N, C-alpha and C. Protein backbone atom coordinates (compact mmCIF):
# COMPACT_ATOMS: atom_id res chain seq x y z
N UNK A 1 0.76 -1.12 -0.21
CA UNK A 1 0.13 -0.24 0.13
C UNK A 1 0.61 1.42 -0.13
N UNK A 2 2.12 1.22 0.55
CA UNK A 2 2.92 2.96 0.64
C UNK A 2 3.60 2.71 -0.65
N UNK A 3 3.82 1.94 -1.17
CA UNK A 3 4.33 2.52 -2.43
C UNK A 3 3.30 2.84 -3.71
N UNK A 4 2.15 2.76 -3.51
CA UNK A 4 1.50 3.40 -4.62
C UNK A 4 0.72 4.28 -4.03
N UNK A 5 0.54 4.74 -2.67
CA UNK A 5 0.35 5.87 -2.34
C UNK A 5 1.19 6.99 -2.61
N UNK A 6 2.73 6.88 -1.76
CA UNK A 6 3.87 7.73 -2.32
C UNK A 6 4.37 8.43 -3.88
N UNK A 7 3.69 6.80 -4.86
CA UNK A 7 3.58 7.15 -6.33
C UNK A 7 2.54 8.42 -6.79
N UNK A 8 1.20 7.86 -5.93
CA UNK A 8 -0.15 8.81 -6.01
C UNK A 8 0.89 10.14 -5.62
N UNK A 9 0.97 10.49 -4.12
CA UNK A 9 1.25 11.66 -3.72
C UNK A 9 2.53 12.62 -4.78
N UNK A 10 3.03 11.80 -4.95
CA UNK A 10 4.34 11.96 -5.61
C UNK A 10 3.62 12.72 -7.10
N UNK A 11 3.00 12.13 -7.84
CA UNK A 11 2.53 12.72 -8.99
C UNK A 11 1.76 14.36 -8.82
N UNK A 12 0.77 14.14 -7.67
CA UNK A 12 -0.23 15.17 -7.46
C UNK A 12 0.72 16.23 -6.93
N UNK A 13 2.03 16.23 -6.43
CA UNK A 13 2.75 17.49 -5.85
C UNK A 13 3.24 17.97 -7.32
N UNK A 14 3.74 16.79 -8.25
CA UNK A 14 4.17 17.63 -9.34
C UNK A 14 2.81 17.67 -10.45
N UNK A 15 1.78 17.69 -10.35
CA UNK A 15 0.58 18.00 -11.31
C UNK A 15 0.22 19.76 -10.61
N UNK A 16 0.27 19.62 -9.45
CA UNK A 16 -0.08 21.00 -9.48
C UNK A 16 1.44 22.42 -9.47
N UNK A 17 2.72 21.72 -9.35
CA UNK A 17 3.67 22.50 -9.44
C UNK A 17 3.55 22.94 -10.99
N UNK A 18 3.55 21.73 -12.38
CA UNK A 18 2.90 21.71 -13.19
C UNK A 18 2.37 22.86 -13.51
N UNK A 19 0.90 22.62 -12.96
CA UNK A 19 -0.52 23.42 -13.53
C UNK A 19 0.20 25.04 -13.04
N UNK A 20 0.82 25.32 -12.57
CA UNK A 20 0.80 27.04 -11.89
C UNK A 20 1.98 27.27 -12.76
N UNK A 21 2.94 26.53 -13.71
CA UNK A 21 3.95 26.85 -14.61
C UNK A 21 3.23 26.92 -15.86
N UNK A 22 2.57 26.17 -16.23
CA UNK A 22 1.15 26.72 -17.43
C UNK A 22 0.37 27.26 -17.59
N UNK A 23 -0.15 27.47 -16.41
CA UNK A 23 -1.43 28.57 -15.98
C UNK A 23 -1.05 30.06 -17.62
N UNK A 24 0.05 30.55 -17.22
CA UNK A 24 0.03 31.54 -17.69
C UNK A 24 0.51 31.87 -19.32
N UNK A 25 0.52 30.28 -19.55
CA UNK A 25 0.65 30.71 -21.09
C UNK A 25 -0.26 30.62 -22.36
N UNK A 26 -0.22 31.33 -22.46
CA UNK A 26 -1.34 31.40 -23.78
C UNK A 26 -2.27 33.11 -23.70
N UNK A 27 -2.20 33.39 -22.38
CA UNK A 27 -2.96 34.36 -21.75
C UNK A 27 -3.23 35.63 -22.34
N UNK A 28 -4.65 36.32 -22.71
CA UNK A 28 -4.02 37.85 -23.90
C UNK A 28 -5.22 38.56 -23.14
N UNK A 29 -5.16 39.46 -22.49
CA UNK A 29 -5.92 40.56 -21.43
C UNK A 29 -6.83 41.01 -22.70
N UNK A 30 -8.34 41.19 -22.04
CA UNK A 30 -9.34 41.83 -22.42
C UNK A 30 -8.97 43.43 -22.65
N UNK A 31 -8.94 43.47 -24.17
CA UNK A 31 -8.87 45.55 -24.50
C UNK A 31 -9.91 45.80 -23.32
N UNK A 32 -9.26 47.61 -23.04
CA UNK A 32 -10.40 48.16 -22.07
C UNK A 32 -11.74 48.49 -22.42
N UNK A 33 -11.93 48.43 -23.35
CA UNK A 33 -12.68 48.82 -24.26
C UNK A 33 -13.96 47.69 -24.32
N UNK A 34 -13.70 46.52 -24.11
CA UNK A 34 -14.42 45.11 -24.32
C UNK A 34 -14.77 44.79 -22.40
N UNK A 35 -14.68 44.95 -22.23
CA UNK A 35 -14.55 44.54 -19.98
C UNK A 35 -15.63 45.09 -20.08
N UNK A 36 -16.65 43.27 -20.10
CA UNK A 36 -18.08 43.94 -19.16
C UNK A 36 -18.28 44.16 -18.37
N UNK A 37 -19.11 44.50 -17.70
CA UNK A 37 -19.80 45.10 -16.42
C UNK A 37 -19.79 44.13 -15.02
N UNK A 38 -18.55 44.34 -14.11
CA UNK A 38 -18.63 42.93 -13.22
C UNK A 38 -17.26 42.41 -13.33
N UNK A 39 -16.41 42.46 -14.77
CA UNK A 39 -15.49 41.82 -14.60
C UNK A 39 -13.86 41.82 -14.99
N UNK A 40 -13.26 41.87 -14.62
CA UNK A 40 -12.15 42.26 -13.79
C UNK A 40 -11.38 42.65 -15.40
N UNK A 41 -10.29 43.74 -15.18
CA UNK A 41 -9.72 44.32 -17.41
C UNK A 41 -8.62 43.37 -17.04
N UNK A 42 -8.45 42.16 -16.11
CA UNK A 42 -7.23 42.08 -16.42
C UNK A 42 -7.51 40.77 -16.73
N UNK A 43 -8.94 40.14 -16.37
CA UNK A 43 -9.23 38.79 -16.99
C UNK A 43 -8.55 38.34 -17.98
N UNK A 44 -8.55 36.72 -18.65
CA UNK A 44 -8.18 36.72 -19.82
C UNK A 44 -9.46 36.59 -20.77
N UNK A 45 -9.14 36.60 -21.92
CA UNK A 45 -9.84 36.20 -22.67
C UNK A 45 -10.78 34.42 -23.22
N UNK A 46 -9.95 34.09 -23.46
CA UNK A 46 -9.98 32.76 -23.44
C UNK A 46 -9.18 31.94 -22.25
N UNK A 47 -8.93 31.46 -21.42
CA UNK A 47 -8.24 30.78 -20.48
C UNK A 47 -7.58 29.20 -20.64
N UNK A 48 -9.12 28.74 -21.31
CA UNK A 48 -8.74 27.51 -21.71
C UNK A 48 -8.14 26.18 -21.03
N UNK A 49 -9.01 26.39 -19.95
CA UNK A 49 -8.16 25.81 -18.59
C UNK A 49 -8.14 24.12 -18.76
N UNK A 50 -9.17 23.41 -19.42
CA UNK A 50 -8.80 22.21 -19.94
C UNK A 50 -8.13 21.73 -20.81
N UNK A 51 -8.01 22.17 -21.54
CA UNK A 51 -6.70 22.10 -22.19
C UNK A 51 -5.29 22.19 -21.68
N UNK A 52 -5.33 23.19 -20.77
CA UNK A 52 -4.36 23.46 -19.48
C UNK A 52 -3.95 22.24 -19.25
N UNK A 53 -4.75 21.80 -18.28
CA UNK A 53 -4.95 20.56 -17.62
C UNK A 53 -4.71 19.41 -18.02
N UNK A 54 -4.77 18.56 -19.43
CA UNK A 54 -4.78 17.78 -19.94
C UNK A 54 -2.91 18.51 -20.32
N UNK A 55 -1.99 19.35 -20.91
CA UNK A 55 -0.95 19.74 -21.02
C UNK A 55 -0.08 19.12 -19.64
N UNK A 56 -0.85 19.97 -18.71
CA UNK A 56 -0.82 19.43 -17.24
C UNK A 56 -0.48 18.02 -16.91
N UNK A 57 -1.59 17.22 -17.41
CA UNK A 57 -0.77 15.88 -16.50
C UNK A 57 -0.03 15.04 -17.79
N UNK A 58 -0.38 15.51 -19.18
CA UNK A 58 0.94 15.06 -19.81
C UNK A 58 2.19 15.00 -19.10
N UNK A 59 2.99 16.63 -18.94
CA UNK A 59 4.15 17.18 -18.16
C UNK A 59 4.13 16.50 -16.81
N UNK A 60 3.83 16.16 -16.32
CA UNK A 60 3.77 15.82 -15.07
C UNK A 60 3.87 14.49 -15.19
N UNK A 61 3.10 13.56 -15.71
CA UNK A 61 3.49 12.11 -16.05
C UNK A 61 4.57 11.65 -16.25
N UNK A 62 5.13 13.11 -17.86
CA UNK A 62 6.34 12.17 -18.06
C UNK A 62 7.32 12.59 -16.97
N UNK A 63 7.03 13.39 -16.52
CA UNK A 63 8.11 13.69 -15.00
C UNK A 63 8.13 12.89 -14.28
N UNK A 64 6.90 12.33 -13.62
CA UNK A 64 7.06 10.72 -12.77
C UNK A 64 7.67 10.06 -13.72
N UNK A 65 7.51 9.65 -14.75
CA UNK A 65 8.16 8.47 -14.89
C UNK A 65 9.59 8.53 -15.11
N UNK A 66 9.84 9.73 -15.41
CA UNK A 66 11.72 9.79 -15.35
C UNK A 66 12.02 9.64 -13.59
N UNK A 67 11.37 10.26 -12.29
CA UNK A 67 11.89 10.30 -11.18
C UNK A 67 11.28 8.85 -10.50
N UNK A 68 10.34 8.39 -11.09
CA UNK A 68 10.32 6.88 -11.04
C UNK A 68 11.14 5.86 -11.30
N UNK A 69 12.15 6.17 -12.93
CA UNK A 69 12.56 5.03 -13.12
C UNK A 69 14.39 5.37 -12.48
N UNK A 70 14.45 6.79 -12.30
CA UNK A 70 16.32 7.20 -11.32
C UNK A 70 15.56 6.86 -9.87
N UNK A 71 14.48 6.36 -9.00
CA UNK A 71 13.88 6.02 -7.48
C UNK A 71 14.56 4.43 -7.74
N UNK A 72 13.83 3.58 -9.38
CA UNK A 72 13.88 2.24 -9.21
C UNK A 72 15.43 1.59 -9.51
N UNK A 73 16.58 2.55 -10.35
CA UNK A 73 17.58 1.73 -10.90
C UNK A 73 18.37 2.32 -10.04
N UNK A 74 17.92 2.81 -9.03
CA UNK A 74 19.24 2.87 -7.44
C UNK A 74 20.29 4.09 -7.73
N UNK A 75 19.69 4.89 -8.90
CA UNK A 75 20.92 6.13 -9.39
C UNK A 75 21.01 7.01 -8.05
N UNK A 76 20.21 7.70 -7.92
CA UNK A 76 19.71 8.01 -5.95
C UNK A 76 18.85 7.06 -5.27
N UNK A 77 19.37 7.21 -4.10
CA UNK A 77 18.68 6.33 -3.22
C UNK A 77 17.66 7.27 -2.23
N UNK A 78 16.49 7.40 -2.59
CA UNK A 78 15.78 8.62 -1.39
C UNK A 78 15.66 8.08 -0.44
N UNK A 79 16.37 6.68 0.04
CA UNK A 79 15.57 6.41 1.17
C UNK A 79 17.23 6.86 2.16
N UNK A 80 18.33 7.01 1.65
CA UNK A 80 19.43 7.62 2.62
C UNK A 80 19.30 9.49 2.36
N UNK A 81 18.33 10.19 2.40
CA UNK A 81 17.94 11.39 3.08
C UNK A 81 17.18 11.34 4.01
């Protein structure tokens, strides 16, 4: 039980870190004239959150697989830290 929980925990931490790196990609603010009442002028036109979550999942999965193989190969032993 410990191994899958550790793997899931590492993946979730990586996912959140990558999400905050991916969020600013492709953001374009609305022009001052186009701002609707009740909206912040700095709000993005199309945030594309679902696309960014998919990209985040893919990048986090690649980083997780690299971390997994490093840990399994014994190249870096995390138990010594």
